[in-house]
Amino acid sequence: EIRVADPNDPSSGSGMFVNGSIEEGEVLYSIPWDLIIKPDEFDISKARPSLLSCGTAQSLLRELRLEEKSTFGPYLKYFHSFERGGLIAEWSDAGYDLLKKVLGPLFSARSNWIKYWHETCGGGSDPLEEKAAMYVVTRAEDFLLIPLFDLANHRNGHMNYNYENKKLEVEEGVSANGIATRDIVAGGENYYFFYFF
């Protein structure tokens, strides 16, 4: 189920939780290929890794502009609840400088995804376009926006590897499947692993 982490604290953040015990290797969910937002011309063997897939952002924008005519209606409601500002690239200079001071040598420079959107993708500066681009950066798995997968929280860095309990297997043209990578107790939260950069 998708719910807040602590039902008694609505500010505790949402996540994906299992209602019953799950064994390693079990399929948590299977999303059919036609329910995944992806670039119009998609070939996984030729895809260039980037956190911002220009084609995926353009496909998302097309669906957003269709409004209620889009077959992705429920998923797009989630998009509209997404608030920008979670990426370091969107922080103020003062916020960025403070993080750099706190992290010291662990700090890596921020990527300017808005600039990438404009210059590499040829995207516009319309707020909806920029929001769609930032949504793809924060929620896409490689080149795909996969309902349910992107509702799971992630853990950053090697020290948090023990929290990962789910992986994604994509069969191009067929489906994307969330697979348990270890046993998960009833009530446990699903996490996927993500390196911080």
C-alpha atoms as a PDB file:
ATOM      1  CA  GLU A   1       0.000   0.000   0.000  1.00  0.00           C
ATOM      2  CA  ILE A   2       1.027   3.625  -0.505  1.00  0.00           C
ATOM      3  CA  ARG A   3       0.745   5.526   2.773  1.00  0.00           C
ATOM      4  CA  VAL A   4       2.548   7.799   5.192  1.00  0.00           C
ATOM      5  CA  ALA A   5       5.298   6.085   7.183  1.00  0.00           C
ATOM      6  CA  ASP A   6       3.659   6.837  10.533  1.00  0.00           C
ATOM      7  CA  PRO A   7      -0.153   6.829  10.325  1.00  0.00           C
ATOM      8  CA  ASN A   8      -0.227   9.071  13.429  1.00  0.00           C
ATOM      9  CA  ASP A   9       2.017  11.678  11.797  1.00  0.00           C
ATOM     10  CA  PRO A  10       0.833  12.928   8.385  1.00  0.00           C
ATOM     11  CA  SER A  11       4.135  14.778   7.923  1.00  0.00           C
ATOM     12  CA  SER A  12       6.183  11.552   8.184  1.00  0.00           C
ATOM     13  CA  GLY A  13       6.403  11.172   4.400  1.00  0.00           C
ATOM     14  CA  SER A  14       4.837   8.690   2.044  1.00  0.00           C
ATOM     15  CA  GLY A  15       6.234   5.366   0.969  1.00  0.00           C
ATOM     16  CA  MET A  16       5.358   1.931  -0.365  1.00  0.00           C
ATOM     17  CA  PHE A  17       4.672  -0.701   2.301  1.00  0.00           C
ATOM     18  CA  VAL A  18       3.853  -4.400   2.131  1.00  0.00           C
ATOM     19  CA  ASN A  19       0.739  -5.717   3.860  1.00  0.00           C
ATOM     20  CA  GLY A  20       1.991  -9.294   4.241  1.00  0.00           C
ATOM     21  CA  SER A  21       5.338 -11.032   4.419  1.00  0.00           C
ATOM     22  CA  ILE A  22       7.223 -11.149   1.115  1.00  0.00           C
ATOM     23  CA  GLU A  23       9.944 -13.650   0.244  1.00  0.00           C
ATOM     24  CA  GLU A  24      13.102 -12.866  -1.693  1.00  0.00           C
ATOM     25  CA  GLY A  25      12.471 -13.236  -5.434  1.00  0.00           C
ATOM     26  CA  GLU A  26       8.727 -12.577  -5.276  1.00  0.00           C
ATOM     27  CA  VAL A  27       7.214 -10.198  -7.808  1.00  0.00           C
ATOM     28  CA  LEU A  28       5.927  -7.139  -5.954  1.00  0.00           C
ATOM     29  CA  TYR A  29       4.237  -5.682  -9.023  1.00  0.00           C
ATOM     30  CA  SER A  30       4.266  -5.932 -12.797  1.00  0.00           C
ATOM     31  CA  ILE A  31       3.532  -2.826 -14.877  1.00  0.00           C
ATOM     32  CA  PRO A  32       2.563  -3.473 -18.527  1.00  0.00           C
ATOM     33  CA  TRP A  33       4.677  -1.686 -21.139  1.00  0.00           C
ATOM     34  CA  ASP A  34       1.776   0.460 -22.386  1.00  0.00           C
ATOM     35  CA  LEU A  35       1.316   1.915 -18.882  1.00  0.00           C
ATOM     36  CA  ILE A  36       4.877   3.261 -18.748  1.00  0.00           C
ATOM     37  CA  ILE A  37       5.731   6.784 -19.901  1.00  0.00           C
ATOM     38  CA  LYS A  38       8.797   6.540 -22.123  1.00  0.00           C
ATOM     39  CA  PRO A  39      10.398   8.254 -25.120  1.00  0.00           C
ATOM     40  CA  ASP A  40       8.470   7.791 -28.376  1.00  0.00           C
ATOM     41  CA  GLU A  41      11.484   6.139 -29.967  1.00  0.00           C
ATOM     42  CA  PHE A  42      12.861   3.826 -27.336  1.00  0.00           C
ATOM     43  CA  ASP A  43      15.545   1.203 -27.795  1.00  0.00           C
ATOM     44  CA  ILE A  44      17.063   0.149 -24.489  1.00  0.00           C
ATOM     45  CA  SER A  45      20.217  -1.101 -26.240  1.00  0.00           C
ATOM     46  CA  LYS A  46      20.861   2.356 -27.750  1.00  0.00           C
ATOM     47  CA  ALA A  47      19.762   4.480 -24.801  1.00  0.00           C
ATOM     48  CA  ARG A  48      22.322   6.944 -23.404  1.00  0.00           C
ATOM     49  CA  PRO A  49      22.289   7.016 -19.598  1.00  0.00           C
ATOM     50  CA  SER A  50      21.297  10.354 -18.110  1.00  0.00           C
ATOM     51  CA  LEU A  51      19.107  11.345 -15.215  1.00  0.00           C
ATOM     52  CA  LEU A  52      17.178  13.551 -17.625  1.00  0.00           C
ATOM     53  CA  SER A  53      15.825  11.662 -20.606  1.00  0.00           C
ATOM     54  CA  CYS A  54      14.703  14.383 -23.011  1.00  0.00           C
ATOM     55  CA  GLY A  55      12.318  11.982 -24.761  1.00  0.00           C
ATOM     56  CA  THR A  56      10.703  10.887 -21.506  1.00  0.00           C
ATOM     57  CA  ALA A  57      10.171  14.499 -20.441  1.00  0.00           C
ATOM     58  CA  GLN A  58       8.614  15.284 -23.844  1.00  0.00           C
ATOM     59  CA  SER A  59       6.290  12.264 -23.562  1.00  0.00           C
ATOM     60  CA  LEU A  60       5.258  13.345 -20.071  1.00  0.00           C
ATOM     61  CA  LEU A  61       4.540  16.859 -21.332  1.00  0.00           C
ATOM     62  CA  ARG A  62       2.397  15.490 -24.153  1.00  0.00           C
ATOM     63  CA  GLU A  63       0.312  13.513 -21.643  1.00  0.00           C
ATOM     64  CA  LEU A  64       0.022  16.519 -19.319  1.00  0.00           C
ATOM     65  CA  ARG A  65      -1.267  18.674 -22.175  1.00  0.00           C
ATOM     66  CA  LEU A  66      -3.910  16.054 -22.990  1.00  0.00           C
ATOM     67  CA  GLU A  67      -5.265  16.618 -19.465  1.00  0.00           C
ATOM     68  CA  GLU A  68      -8.345  14.412 -18.814  1.00  0.00           C
ATOM     69  CA  LYS A  69      -7.987  12.781 -22.249  1.00  0.00           C
ATOM     70  CA  SER A  70      -4.712  11.158 -21.186  1.00  0.00           C
ATOM     71  CA  THR A  71      -4.804   7.460 -20.338  1.00  0.00           C
ATOM     72  CA  PHE A  72      -2.322   8.274 -17.536  1.00  0.00           C
ATOM     73  CA  GLY A  73      -4.849  10.357 -15.549  1.00  0.00           C
ATOM     74  CA  PRO A  74      -4.287   8.872 -12.063  1.00  0.00           C
ATOM     75  CA  TYR A  75      -0.516   8.960 -12.520  1.00  0.00           C
ATOM     76  CA  LEU A  76      -0.656  12.589 -13.643  1.00  0.00           C
ATOM     77  CA  LYS A  77      -2.496  13.503 -10.434  1.00  0.00           C
ATOM     78  CA  TYR A  78       0.609  12.363  -8.600  1.00  0.00           C
ATOM     79  CA  PHE A  79       2.715  14.586 -10.873  1.00  0.00           C
ATOM     80  CA  HIS A  80       0.600  17.611  -9.939  1.00  0.00           C
ATOM     81  CA  SER A  81       1.262  16.962  -6.226  1.00  0.00           C
ATOM     82  CA  PHE A  82       5.027  16.973  -6.886  1.00  0.00           C
ATOM     83  CA  GLU A  83       6.756  20.072  -5.554  1.00  0.00           C
ATOM     84  CA  ARG A  84       9.956  21.309  -7.100  1.00  0.00           C
ATOM     85  CA  GLY A  85      12.987  22.214  -5.040  1.00  0.00           C
ATOM     86  CA  GLY A  86      14.120  18.771  -3.891  1.00  0.00           C
ATOM     87  CA  LEU A  87      17.154  18.737  -6.169  1.00  0.00           C
ATOM     88  CA  ILE A  88      20.330  20.484  -5.106  1.00  0.00           C
ATOM     89  CA  ALA A  89      20.359  22.070  -8.573  1.00  0.00           C
ATOM     90  CA  GLU A  90      17.276  24.067  -7.598  1.00  0.00           C
ATOM     91  CA  TRP A  91      18.499  25.223  -4.201  1.00  0.00           C
ATOM     92  CA  SER A  92      19.459  28.815  -3.545  1.00  0.00           C
ATOM     93  CA  ASP A  93      23.141  29.670  -3.669  1.00  0.00           C
ATOM     94  CA  ALA A  94      23.117  30.132   0.120  1.00  0.00           C
ATOM     95  CA  GLY A  95      21.594  26.667   0.630  1.00  0.00           C
ATOM     96  CA  TYR A  96      24.081  25.147  -1.801  1.00  0.00           C
ATOM     97  CA  ASP A  97      27.034  26.830  -0.062  1.00  0.00           C
ATOM     98  CA  LEU A  98      25.870  25.630   3.358  1.00  0.00           C
ATOM     99  CA  LEU A  99      25.593  22.023   2.142  1.00  0.00           C
ATOM    100  CA  LYS A 100      29.052  22.275   0.612  1.00  0.00           C
ATOM    101  CA  LYS A 101      30.417  23.558   3.932  1.00  0.00           C
ATOM    102  CA  VAL A 102      28.709  20.793   5.952  1.00  0.00           C
ATOM    103  CA  LEU A 103      29.768  17.933   3.640  1.00  0.00           C
ATOM    104  CA  GLY A 104      33.282  19.187   2.944  1.00  0.00           C
ATOM    105  CA  PRO A 105      35.282  16.651   0.906  1.00  0.00           C
ATOM    106  CA  LEU A 106      32.227  14.385   0.546  1.00  0.00           C
ATOM    107  CA  PHE A 107      30.526  17.061  -1.519  1.00  0.00           C
ATOM    108  CA  SER A 108      30.160  16.781  -5.281  1.00  0.00           C
ATOM    109  CA  ALA A 109      29.184  19.688  -7.495  1.00  0.00           C
ATOM    110  CA  ARG A 110      25.530  20.119  -8.335  1.00  0.00           C
ATOM    111  CA  SER A 111      24.279  19.406 -11.816  1.00  0.00           C
ATOM    112  CA  ASN A 112      22.282  22.099 -13.540  1.00  0.00           C
ATOM    113  CA  TRP A 113      19.352  20.083 -14.880  1.00  0.00           C
ATOM    114  CA  ILE A 114      17.368  23.156 -15.904  1.00  0.00           C
ATOM    115  CA  LYS A 115      20.273  24.236 -18.115  1.00  0.00           C
ATOM    116  CA  TYR A 116      20.482  20.675 -19.501  1.00  0.00           C
ATOM    117  CA  TRP A 117      16.742  20.783 -20.222  1.00  0.00           C
ATOM    118  CA  HIS A 118      17.097  24.039 -22.162  1.00  0.00           C
ATOM    119  CA  GLU A 119      20.370  23.390 -23.968  1.00  0.00           C
ATOM    120  CA  THR A 120      20.476  19.629 -24.565  1.00  0.00           C
ATOM    121  CA  CYS A 121      16.770  18.814 -24.776  1.00  0.00           C
ATOM    122  CA  GLY A 122      15.708  22.063 -26.452  1.00  0.00           C
ATOM    123  CA  GLY A 123      13.084  22.476 -23.734  1.00  0.00           C
ATOM    124  CA  GLY A 124      11.289  25.697 -22.979  1.00  0.00           C
ATOM    125  CA  SER A 125      11.200  27.820 -19.851  1.00  0.00           C
ATOM    126  CA  ASP A 126       7.471  27.387 -19.294  1.00  0.00           C
ATOM    127  CA  PRO A 127       7.022  26.353 -15.622  1.00  0.00           C
ATOM    128  CA  LEU A 128       5.148  23.175 -16.636  1.00  0.00           C
ATOM    129  CA  GLU A 129       8.013  22.136 -18.929  1.00  0.00           C
ATOM    130  CA  GLU A 130      10.658  22.726 -16.285  1.00  0.00           C
ATOM    131  CA  LYS A 131       8.595  20.903 -13.674  1.00  0.00           C
ATOM    132  CA  ALA A 132       8.187  17.927 -16.036  1.00  0.00           C
ATOM    133  CA  ALA A 133      11.947  17.857 -16.636  1.00  0.00           C
ATOM    134  CA  MET A 134      12.708  17.926 -12.894  1.00  0.00           C
ATOM    135  CA  TYR A 135      10.092  15.236 -12.287  1.00  0.00           C
ATOM    136  CA  VAL A 136      11.869  12.971 -14.771  1.00  0.00           C
ATOM    137  CA  VAL A 137      15.210  13.645 -13.046  1.00  0.00           C
ATOM    138  CA  THR A 138      13.808  12.695  -9.631  1.00  0.00           C
ATOM    139  CA  ARG A 139      11.326   9.960 -10.518  1.00  0.00           C
ATOM    140  CA  ALA A 140      12.357   8.181 -13.727  1.00  0.00           C
ATOM    141  CA  GLU A 141      14.219   4.903 -13.698  1.00  0.00           C
ATOM    142  CA  ASP A 142      16.717   5.452 -16.485  1.00  0.00           C
ATOM    143  CA  PHE A 143      14.392   6.426 -19.347  1.00  0.00           C
ATOM    144  CA  LEU A 144      11.081   5.258 -17.917  1.00  0.00           C
ATOM    145  CA  LEU A 145       8.386   6.731 -15.671  1.00  0.00           C
ATOM    146  CA  ILE A 146       6.949   3.622 -14.079  1.00  0.00           C
ATOM    147  CA  PRO A 147       3.810   3.955 -11.967  1.00  0.00           C
ATOM    148  CA  LEU A 148       4.340   2.391  -8.518  1.00  0.00           C
ATOM    149  CA  PHE A 149       8.125   2.081  -8.910  1.00  0.00           C
ATOM    150  CA  ASP A 150       8.570   5.811  -8.528  1.00  0.00           C
ATOM    151  CA  LEU A 151       6.477   5.860  -5.356  1.00  0.00           C
ATOM    152  CA  ALA A 152       9.083   3.809  -3.512  1.00  0.00           C
ATOM    153  CA  ASN A 153      11.639   5.789  -1.553  1.00  0.00           C
ATOM    154  CA  HIS A 154      15.324   5.332  -2.173  1.00  0.00           C
ATOM    155  CA  ARG A 155      18.340   5.127   0.055  1.00  0.00           C
ATOM    156  CA  ASN A 156      21.565   6.853  -0.907  1.00  0.00           C
ATOM    157  CA  GLY A 157      25.133   5.649  -0.640  1.00  0.00           C
ATOM    158  CA  HIS A 158      26.893   2.428   0.268  1.00  0.00           C
ATOM    159  CA  MET A 159      26.194   2.784   3.991  1.00  0.00           C
ATOM    160  CA  ASN A 160      22.470   2.441   3.308  1.00  0.00           C
ATOM    161  CA  TYR A 161      22.733  -0.560   0.987  1.00  0.00           C
ATOM    162  CA  ASN A 162      21.165  -2.796   3.638  1.00  0.00           C
ATOM    163  CA  TYR A 163      17.844  -0.985   3.191  1.00  0.00           C
ATOM    164  CA  GLU A 164      17.467  -1.975  -0.461  1.00  0.00           C
ATOM    165  CA  ASN A 165      14.861  -4.682  -0.779  1.00  0.00           C
ATOM    166  CA  LYS A 166      13.609  -4.264  -4.319  1.00  0.00           C
ATOM    167  CA  LYS A 167      15.027  -4.257  -7.810  1.00  0.00           C
ATOM    168  CA  LEU A 168      13.504  -3.471 -11.143  1.00  0.00           C
ATOM    169  CA  GLU A 169      13.579  -5.842 -14.096  1.00  0.00           C
ATOM    170  CA  VAL A 170      12.521  -4.306 -17.413  1.00  0.00           C
ATOM    171  CA  GLU A 171      11.586  -6.451 -20.383  1.00  0.00           C
ATOM    172  CA  GLU A 172      11.361  -4.007 -23.277  1.00  0.00           C
ATOM    173  CA  GLY A 173       7.968  -4.092 -24.947  1.00  0.00           C
ATOM    174  CA  VAL A 174       6.481  -6.296 -22.210  1.00  0.00           C
ATOM    175  CA  SER A 175       6.650  -4.962 -18.637  1.00  0.00           C
ATOM    176  CA  ALA A 176       8.606  -3.564 -15.720  1.00  0.00           C
ATOM    177  CA  ASN A 177       8.609  -5.795 -12.659  1.00  0.00           C
ATOM    178  CA  GLY A 178       9.463  -4.929  -9.071  1.00  0.00           C
ATOM    179  CA  ILE A 179      11.214  -7.945  -7.511  1.00  0.00           C
ATOM    180  CA  ALA A 180      11.975  -8.429  -3.799  1.00  0.00           C
ATOM    181  CA  THR A 181      15.755  -8.751  -3.302  1.00  0.00           C
ATOM    182  CA  ARG A 182      15.385 -10.043   0.223  1.00  0.00           C
ATOM    183  CA  ASP A 183      12.613 -11.088   2.609  1.00  0.00           C
ATOM    184  CA  ILE A 184      10.378  -8.200   3.679  1.00  0.00           C
ATOM    185  CA  VAL A 185       8.327  -8.432   6.870  1.00  0.00           C
ATOM    186  CA  ALA A 186       4.663  -7.390   6.921  1.00  0.00           C
ATOM    187  CA  GLY A 187       4.463  -3.628   7.283  1.00  0.00           C
ATOM    188  CA  GLY A 188       7.992  -3.162   5.919  1.00  0.00           C
ATOM    189  CA  GLU A 189       8.745  -0.358   3.498  1.00  0.00           C
ATOM    190  CA  ASN A 190      10.029  -1.026  -0.024  1.00  0.00           C
ATOM    191  CA  TYR A 191      13.235   0.794  -0.859  1.00  0.00           C
ATOM    192  CA  TYR A 192      15.338   0.851  -3.944  1.00  0.00           C
ATOM    193  CA  PHE A 193      19.017   1.688  -3.989  1.00  0.00           C
ATOM    194  CA  PHE A 194      20.315   4.866  -5.552  1.00  0.00           C
ATOM    195  CA  TYR A 195      23.807   6.353  -5.463  1.00  0.00           C
ATOM    196  CA  PHE A 196      23.928  10.003  -4.381  1.00  0.00           C
ATOM    197  CA  PHE A 197      25.764  12.288  -6.769  1.00  0.00           C
END
